C-alpha atoms as a PDB file:
ATOM      1  CA  MET A   1     -11.841  -6.615   7.999  1.00  0.00           C
ATOM      2  CA  PRO A   2      -8.749  -7.295   9.647  1.00  0.00           C
ATOM      3  CA  LYS A   3      -7.457  -4.652  12.172  1.00  0.00           C
ATOM      4  CA  THR A   4      -3.855  -3.376  12.696  1.00  0.00           C
ATOM      5  CA  THR A   5      -4.301  -2.670  16.285  1.00  0.00           C
ATOM      6  CA  ARG A   6      -7.063  -1.993  18.918  1.00  0.00           C
ATOM      7  CA  ALA A   7      -5.200  -1.973  22.009  1.00  0.00           C
ATOM      8  CA  ASP A   8      -6.811  -0.362  25.098  1.00  0.00           C
ATOM      9  CA  LYS A   9      -4.746   3.032  25.009  1.00  0.00           C
ATOM     10  CA  PRO A  10      -5.910   6.398  26.560  1.00  0.00           C
ATOM     11  CA  ALA A  11      -7.248   8.756  23.768  1.00  0.00           C
ATOM     12  CA  ASN A  12      -4.835  11.479  23.530  1.00  0.00           C
ATOM     13  CA  PRO A  13      -7.086  14.798  23.595  1.00  0.00           C
ATOM     14  CA  ARG A  14      -4.378  16.768  21.615  1.00  0.00           C
ATOM     15  CA  SER A  15      -4.567  14.696  18.828  1.00  0.00           C
ATOM     16  CA  PRO A  16      -6.234  15.618  15.504  1.00  0.00           C
ATOM     17  CA  PHE A  17      -7.675  12.332  15.161  1.00  0.00           C
ATOM     18  CA  VAL A  18      -9.553  12.450  18.588  1.00  0.00           C
ATOM     19  CA  PHE A  19     -13.054  13.597  18.627  1.00  0.00           C
ATOM     20  CA  ASP A  20     -14.836  14.881  21.835  1.00  0.00           C
ATOM     21  CA  LEU A  21     -18.290  13.361  22.276  1.00  0.00           C
ATOM     22  CA  ARG A  22     -19.639  15.535  24.847  1.00  0.00           C
ATOM     23  CA  GLU A  23     -21.296  17.918  22.220  1.00  0.00           C
ATOM     24  CA  LEU A  24     -22.754  14.671  20.641  1.00  0.00           C
ATOM     25  CA  GLY A  25     -24.252  13.106  23.908  1.00  0.00           C
ATOM     26  CA  ARG A  26     -25.781   9.618  24.227  1.00  0.00           C
ATOM     27  CA  GLN A  27     -29.215  10.301  22.819  1.00  0.00           C
ATOM     28  CA  PRO A  28     -29.559   7.552  20.344  1.00  0.00           C
ATOM     29  CA  GLY A  29     -30.398   9.321  16.773  1.00  0.00           C
ATOM     30  CA  SER A  30     -28.046  12.571  17.520  1.00  0.00           C
ATOM     31  CA  LEU A  31     -25.710  13.510  14.735  1.00  0.00           C
ATOM     32  CA  LYS A  32     -22.734  15.763  14.509  1.00  0.00           C
ATOM     33  CA  GLU A  33     -20.564  16.198  11.266  1.00  0.00           C
ATOM     34  CA  TYR A  34     -17.057  17.001  10.899  1.00  0.00           C
ATOM     35  CA  GLN A  35     -14.781  17.929   8.038  1.00  0.00           C
ATOM     36  CA  ARG A  36     -10.854  17.973   9.259  1.00  0.00           C
ATOM     37  CA  ARG A  37      -7.816  18.232   7.498  1.00  0.00           C
ATOM     38  CA  VAL A  38      -4.687  16.559   9.590  1.00  0.00           C
ATOM     39  CA  PRO A  39      -1.347  15.599   8.985  1.00  0.00           C
ATOM     40  CA  ALA A  40      -0.688  11.997   8.186  1.00  0.00           C
ATOM     41  CA  PRO A  41       1.087  10.077  10.722  1.00  0.00           C
ATOM     42  CA  ALA A  42       4.149   7.968   9.928  1.00  0.00           C
ATOM     43  CA  GLY A  43       4.131   4.388   8.587  1.00  0.00           C
ATOM     44  CA  LEU A  44       0.935   4.895   6.616  1.00  0.00           C
ATOM     45  CA  GLY A  45       1.822   2.619   3.707  1.00  0.00           C
ATOM     46  CA  LEU A  46       3.250  -0.598   1.974  1.00  0.00           C
ATOM     47  CA  ASP A  47       6.927  -0.958   0.858  1.00  0.00           C
ATOM     48  CA  VAL A  48       6.021   0.492  -2.570  1.00  0.00           C
ATOM     49  CA  ILE A  49       3.331   3.136  -1.980  1.00  0.00           C
ATOM     50  CA  GLY A  50       1.814   5.043   0.802  1.00  0.00           C
ATOM     51  CA  VAL A  51       0.852   8.221   2.440  1.00  0.00           C
ATOM     52  CA  PRO A  52       4.248  10.545   3.124  1.00  0.00           C
ATOM     53  CA  GLU A  53       4.483  11.603   6.860  1.00  0.00           C
ATOM     54  CA  GLY A  54       2.813  14.819   7.241  1.00  0.00           C
ATOM     55  CA  ALA A  55       0.898  14.920   4.060  1.00  0.00           C
ATOM     56  CA  PRO A  56      -2.626  16.325   4.259  1.00  0.00           C
ATOM     57  CA  LEU A  57      -5.478  13.792   5.109  1.00  0.00           C
ATOM     58  CA  THR A  58      -9.055  15.003   4.782  1.00  0.00           C
ATOM     59  CA  LEU A  59     -11.757  13.510   7.032  1.00  0.00           C
ATOM     60  CA  GLU A  60     -15.485  13.972   6.196  1.00  0.00           C
ATOM     61  CA  LEU A  61     -17.223  12.162   9.017  1.00  0.00           C
ATOM     62  CA  ARG A  62     -20.613  11.686  10.462  1.00  0.00           C
ATOM     63  CA  LEU A  63     -20.840  10.969  14.292  1.00  0.00           C
ATOM     64  CA  GLU A  64     -24.203   9.099  15.135  1.00  0.00           C
ATOM     65  CA  SER A  65     -25.125   8.212  18.718  1.00  0.00           C
ATOM     66  CA  VAL A  66     -26.720   4.752  18.738  1.00  0.00           C
ATOM     67  CA  THR A  67     -27.480   2.514  21.765  1.00  0.00           C
ATOM     68  CA  GLU A  68     -24.394   0.477  21.699  1.00  0.00           C
ATOM     69  CA  GLY A  69     -22.065   3.231  21.217  1.00  0.00           C
ATOM     70  CA  VAL A  70     -21.076   5.863  18.390  1.00  0.00           C
ATOM     71  CA  LEU A  71     -21.434   4.814  14.584  1.00  0.00           C
ATOM     72  CA  VAL A  72     -18.827   6.669  12.423  1.00  0.00           C
ATOM     73  CA  THR A  73     -19.257   7.107   8.802  1.00  0.00           C
ATOM     74  CA  GLY A  74     -17.769   8.890   6.008  1.00  0.00           C
ATOM     75  CA  THR A  75     -14.537   9.122   3.921  1.00  0.00           C
ATOM     76  CA  ILE A  76     -11.047   9.554   4.062  1.00  0.00           C
ATOM     77  CA  SER A  77      -8.976  11.143   1.236  1.00  0.00           C
ATOM     78  CA  ALA A  78      -5.160  10.998   1.142  1.00  0.00           C
ATOM     79  CA  PRO A  79      -2.280  11.690  -1.408  1.00  0.00           C
ATOM     80  CA  LEU A  80      -0.212   8.631  -2.362  1.00  0.00           C
ATOM     81  CA  THR A  81       3.574   8.401  -3.524  1.00  0.00           C
ATOM     82  CA  GLY A  82       5.655   5.481  -4.547  1.00  0.00           C
ATOM     83  CA  GLN A  83       7.103   3.447  -7.287  1.00  0.00           C
ATOM     84  CA  CYS A  84       5.384   1.696 -10.146  1.00  0.00           C
ATOM     85  CA  GLY A  85       5.567  -1.860  -9.361  1.00  0.00           C
ATOM     86  CA  ARG A  86       6.671  -2.716 -13.106  1.00  0.00           C
ATOM     87  CA  CYS A  87       9.235  -0.067 -14.046  1.00  0.00           C
ATOM     88  CA  LEU A  88      10.112   1.650 -10.802  1.00  0.00           C
ATOM     89  CA  ASP A  89       9.160   5.022 -11.992  1.00  0.00           C
ATOM     90  CA  PRO A  90       7.713   7.576  -9.290  1.00  0.00           C
ATOM     91  CA  VAL A  91       3.971   7.203  -9.020  1.00  0.00           C
ATOM     92  CA  THR A  92       1.373   9.704  -7.337  1.00  0.00           C
ATOM     93  CA  ASP A  93      -2.209   9.147  -7.045  1.00  0.00           C
ATOM     94  CA  GLU A  94      -5.164  10.312  -4.578  1.00  0.00           C
ATOM     95  CA  LEU A  95      -7.062   7.804  -2.602  1.00  0.00           C
ATOM     96  CA  ASP A  96     -10.484   7.951  -1.381  1.00  0.00           C
ATOM     97  CA  VAL A  97     -11.900   5.337   1.408  1.00  0.00           C
ATOM     98  CA  GLU A  98     -15.398   5.018   2.686  1.00  0.00           C
ATOM     99  CA  VAL A  99     -15.330   4.179   6.350  1.00  0.00           C
ATOM    100  CA  GLN A 100     -18.121   2.917   8.951  1.00  0.00           C
ATOM    101  CA  GLU A 101     -17.104   1.835  12.202  1.00  0.00           C
ATOM    102  CA  LEU A 102     -18.826   1.325  15.583  1.00  0.00           C
ATOM    103  CA  PHE A 103     -17.143   2.659  18.556  1.00  0.00           C
ATOM    104  CA  ALA A 104     -18.702   0.725  21.430  1.00  0.00           C
ATOM    105  CA  TYR A 105     -19.391   2.272  25.058  1.00  0.00           C
ATOM    106  CA  ARG A 106     -17.835   0.534  27.726  1.00  0.00           C
ATOM    107  CA  ASP A 107     -20.047  -2.083  29.324  1.00  0.00           C
ATOM    108  CA  SER A 108     -22.341  -2.004  26.447  1.00  0.00           C
ATOM    109  CA  ALA A 109     -23.715  -5.379  25.256  1.00  0.00           C
ATOM    110  CA  THR A 110     -21.572  -4.970  22.145  1.00  0.00           C
ATOM    111  CA  ASP A 111     -18.581  -4.322  24.735  1.00  0.00           C
ATOM    112  CA  GLU A 112     -19.352  -7.380  26.765  1.00  0.00           C
ATOM    113  CA  THR A 113     -19.521  -9.853  23.656  1.00  0.00           C
ATOM    114  CA  THR A 114     -16.346  -9.045  21.725  1.00  0.00           C
ATOM    115  CA  GLU A 115     -12.686  -9.663  22.153  1.00  0.00           C
ATOM    116  CA  GLN A 116     -10.647  -6.387  22.932  1.00  0.00           C
ATOM    117  CA  ASP A 117      -9.254  -6.709  19.201  1.00  0.00           C
ATOM    118  CA  GLU A 118     -12.331  -7.035  17.544  1.00  0.00           C
ATOM    119  CA  ILE A 119     -14.083  -3.723  17.803  1.00  0.00           C
ATOM    120  CA  TYR A 120     -13.109  -0.164  18.654  1.00  0.00           C
ATOM    121  CA  ARG A 121     -14.350   1.460  21.902  1.00  0.00           C
ATOM    122  CA  VAL A 122     -15.451   4.810  23.372  1.00  0.00           C
ATOM    123  CA  ASP A 123     -12.708   6.072  25.886  1.00  0.00           C
ATOM    124  CA  GLY A 124     -14.564   7.951  28.228  1.00  0.00           C
ATOM    125  CA  GLU A 125     -16.074  11.075  26.381  1.00  0.00           C
ATOM    126  CA  ARG A 126     -13.737  10.504  23.318  1.00  0.00           C
ATOM    127  CA  ILE A 127     -12.936   8.354  20.476  1.00  0.00           C
ATOM    128  CA  ASP A 128      -9.763   7.933  18.670  1.00  0.00           C
ATOM    129  CA  PHE A 129     -10.071   7.567  14.908  1.00  0.00           C
ATOM    130  CA  GLU A 130      -6.519   7.147  14.023  1.00  0.00           C
ATOM    131  CA  PRO A 131      -6.567   3.267  14.280  1.00  0.00           C
ATOM    132  CA  VAL A 132      -9.485   3.500  11.867  1.00  0.00           C
ATOM    133  CA  VAL A 133      -7.617   5.729   9.306  1.00  0.00           C
ATOM    134  CA  ARG A 134      -4.501   3.228   9.513  1.00  0.00           C
ATOM    135  CA  ASP A 135      -6.882   0.165   8.987  1.00  0.00           C
ATOM    136  CA  ALA A 136      -8.895   1.824   6.219  1.00  0.00           C
ATOM    137  CA  VAL A 137      -6.006   3.634   4.216  1.00  0.00           C
ATOM    138  CA  VAL A 138      -3.489   0.500   4.372  1.00  0.00           C
ATOM    139  CA  LEU A 139      -6.007  -1.994   3.220  1.00  0.00           C
ATOM    140  CA  ALA A 140      -7.119   0.062   0.155  1.00  0.00           C
ATOM    141  CA  LEU A 141      -3.654   0.588  -1.271  1.00  0.00           C
ATOM    142  CA  PRO A 142      -2.850  -1.249  -4.343  1.00  0.00           C
ATOM    143  CA  TRP A 143      -0.209  -4.197  -4.068  1.00  0.00           C
ATOM    144  CA  THR A 144       1.058  -3.464  -7.350  1.00  0.00           C
ATOM    145  CA  PRO A 145       0.906   0.098  -8.034  1.00  0.00           C
ATOM    146  CA  LEU A 146       1.277   1.231 -11.969  1.00  0.00           C
ATOM    147  CA  CYS A 147       2.328   4.330 -13.577  1.00  0.00           C
ATOM    148  CA  ARG A 148      -0.157   3.571 -16.092  1.00  0.00           C
ATOM    149  CA  PRO A 149      -2.310   0.277 -16.700  1.00  0.00           C
ATOM    150  CA  ASP A 150      -0.255  -0.878 -19.960  1.00  0.00           C
ATOM    151  CA  CYS A 151       3.074  -0.349 -18.348  1.00  0.00           C
ATOM    152  CA  ALA A 152       5.667  -2.675 -19.951  1.00  0.00           C
ATOM    153  CA  GLY A 153       7.984  -2.962 -17.357  1.00  0.00           C
ATOM    154  CA  LEU A 154      11.915  -3.342 -17.504  1.00  0.00           C
ATOM    155  CA  CYS A 155      13.716  -5.476 -19.794  1.00  0.00           C
ATOM    156  CA  PRO A 156      14.923  -8.604 -17.691  1.00  0.00           C
ATOM    157  CA  THR A 157      18.699  -8.361 -19.650  1.00  0.00           C
ATOM    158  CA  CYS A 158      19.457  -4.572 -19.402  1.00  0.00           C
ATOM    159  CA  GLY A 159      17.091  -3.159 -16.874  1.00  0.00           C
ATOM    160  CA  GLN A 160      15.987  -0.452 -19.217  1.00  0.00           C
ATOM    161  CA  ARG A 161      12.333   0.514 -19.564  1.00  0.00           C
ATOM    162  CA  LEU A 162      10.610  -1.115 -22.219  1.00  0.00           C
ATOM    163  CA  ASP A 163       8.405   1.617 -23.361  1.00  0.00           C
ATOM    164  CA  ASP A 164      11.536   3.661 -23.898  1.00  0.00           C
ATOM    165  CA  LEU A 165      13.236   0.792 -26.232  1.00  0.00           C
ATOM    166  CA  PRO A 166      12.500   0.236 -29.856  1.00  0.00           C
ATOM    167  CA  ALA A 167       9.970  -2.338 -30.889  1.00  0.00           C
ATOM    168  CA  GLY A 168      11.190  -5.709 -31.144  1.00  0.00           C
ATOM    169  CA  HIS A 169      14.117  -5.123 -28.485  1.00  0.00           C
ATOM    170  CA  THR A 170      15.930  -8.325 -28.021  1.00  0.00           C
ATOM    171  CA  HIS A 171      19.178  -9.478 -26.903  1.00  0.00           C
ATOM    172  CA  GLU A 172      21.208 -12.031 -28.322  1.00  0.00           C
ATOM    173  CA  THR A 173      21.904 -14.898 -26.066  1.00  0.00           C
ATOM    174  CA  ILE A 174      23.999 -18.247 -26.375  1.00  0.00           C
ATOM    175  CA  ASP A 175      22.596 -21.748 -24.818  1.00  0.00           C
ATOM    176  CA  PRO A 176      24.870 -22.331 -22.180  1.00  0.00           C
ATOM    177  CA  ARG A 177      25.572 -26.029 -23.331  1.00  0.00           C
ATOM    178  CA  TRP A 178      27.209 -24.312 -26.566  1.00  0.00           C
ATOM    179  CA  ALA A 179      28.960 -21.341 -25.089  1.00  0.00           C
ATOM    180  CA  ALA A 180      32.122 -23.438 -24.325  1.00  0.00           C
ATOM    181  CA  LEU A 181      32.552 -24.391 -28.054  1.00  0.00           C
ATOM    182  CA  ALA A 182      32.351 -20.750 -28.885  1.00  0.00           C
ATOM    183  CA  ALA A 183      35.849 -20.150 -27.877  1.00  0.00           C
ATOM    184  CA  PHE A 184      36.789 -22.673 -30.760  1.00  0.00           C
ATOM    185  CA  VAL A 185      35.419 -20.886 -33.427  1.00  0.00           C
ATOM    186  CA  ASP A 186      37.357 -18.478 -35.471  1.00  0.00           C
ATOM    187  CA  THR A 187      36.214 -15.012 -36.415  1.00  0.00           C
ATOM    188  CA  ASP A 188      35.730 -16.164 -40.187  1.00  0.00           C
ATOM    189  CA  GLY A 189      33.427 -18.965 -38.755  1.00  0.00           C
ATOM    190  CA  THR A 190      35.840 -22.016 -38.967  1.00  0.00           C
ATOM    191  CA  SER A 191      36.842 -24.021 -36.345  1.00  0.00           C
ATOM    192  CA  ASP A 192      40.702 -24.861 -35.285  1.00  0.00           C
ATOM    193  CA  GLY A 193      39.665 -27.908 -33.503  1.00  0.00           C
ATOM    194  CA  PRO A 194      41.221 -29.108 -30.302  1.00  0.00           C
ATOM    195  CA  ALA A 195      44.487 -27.215 -29.579  1.00  0.00           C
ATOM    196  CA  GLY A 196      47.598 -28.970 -31.264  1.00  0.00           C
ATOM    197  CA  ALA A 197      45.185 -30.789 -33.595  1.00  0.00           C
ATOM    198  CA  SER A 198      46.762 -30.843 -37.518  1.00  0.00           C
ATOM    199  CA  SER A 199      44.142 -29.644 -39.835  1.00  0.00           C
ATOM    200  CA  GLU A 200      45.835 -32.115 -42.509  1.00  0.00           C
ATOM    201  CA  SER A 201      44.106 -35.504 -42.956  1.00  0.00           C
ATOM    202  CA  ILE A 202      46.277 -38.567 -42.149  1.00  0.00           C
ATOM    203  CA  GLU A 203      46.784 -41.244 -44.664  1.00  0.00           C
END
């Protein structure tokens, strides 16, 4: 799974995405479950759809102590807002994403055999779950969100929603190769011919 960032930054203990591991301990098999409702950080989305900044994210997580670190499993639930990729109407939806990530202990075998950006790491007695949220949510977003599966989109000529137009909606078009000749056609369908030319035959 590609990652947005795994830079070695200290975890902010005041962040609602940071979990203190002192209650969990390092005994393999130790478990602790959490349910948190936290505000969404900025920039959690794509150009056409995403989670509004400050919207409530629900984290239902289980932290398990394992030999190499802390295994986090659970779900992330978030509200989505955006635009339909066909007709540009507003779109709202709910996103539920399952996650499973290992936070490696410093100096563990996993820590020593992986690159810095390949895996998350325990920061002292804390883990910062915000990068996991960003990775999981952004990767789960639809590239072309739709207001409904059968949305017909916009008319390429007039730009109106095709679903709001009558059946068989079309626009009369003139082949550009004949467009110049249209200027010579009278309203009654006859042609004057080139300017200055007589309509009488010459004997």
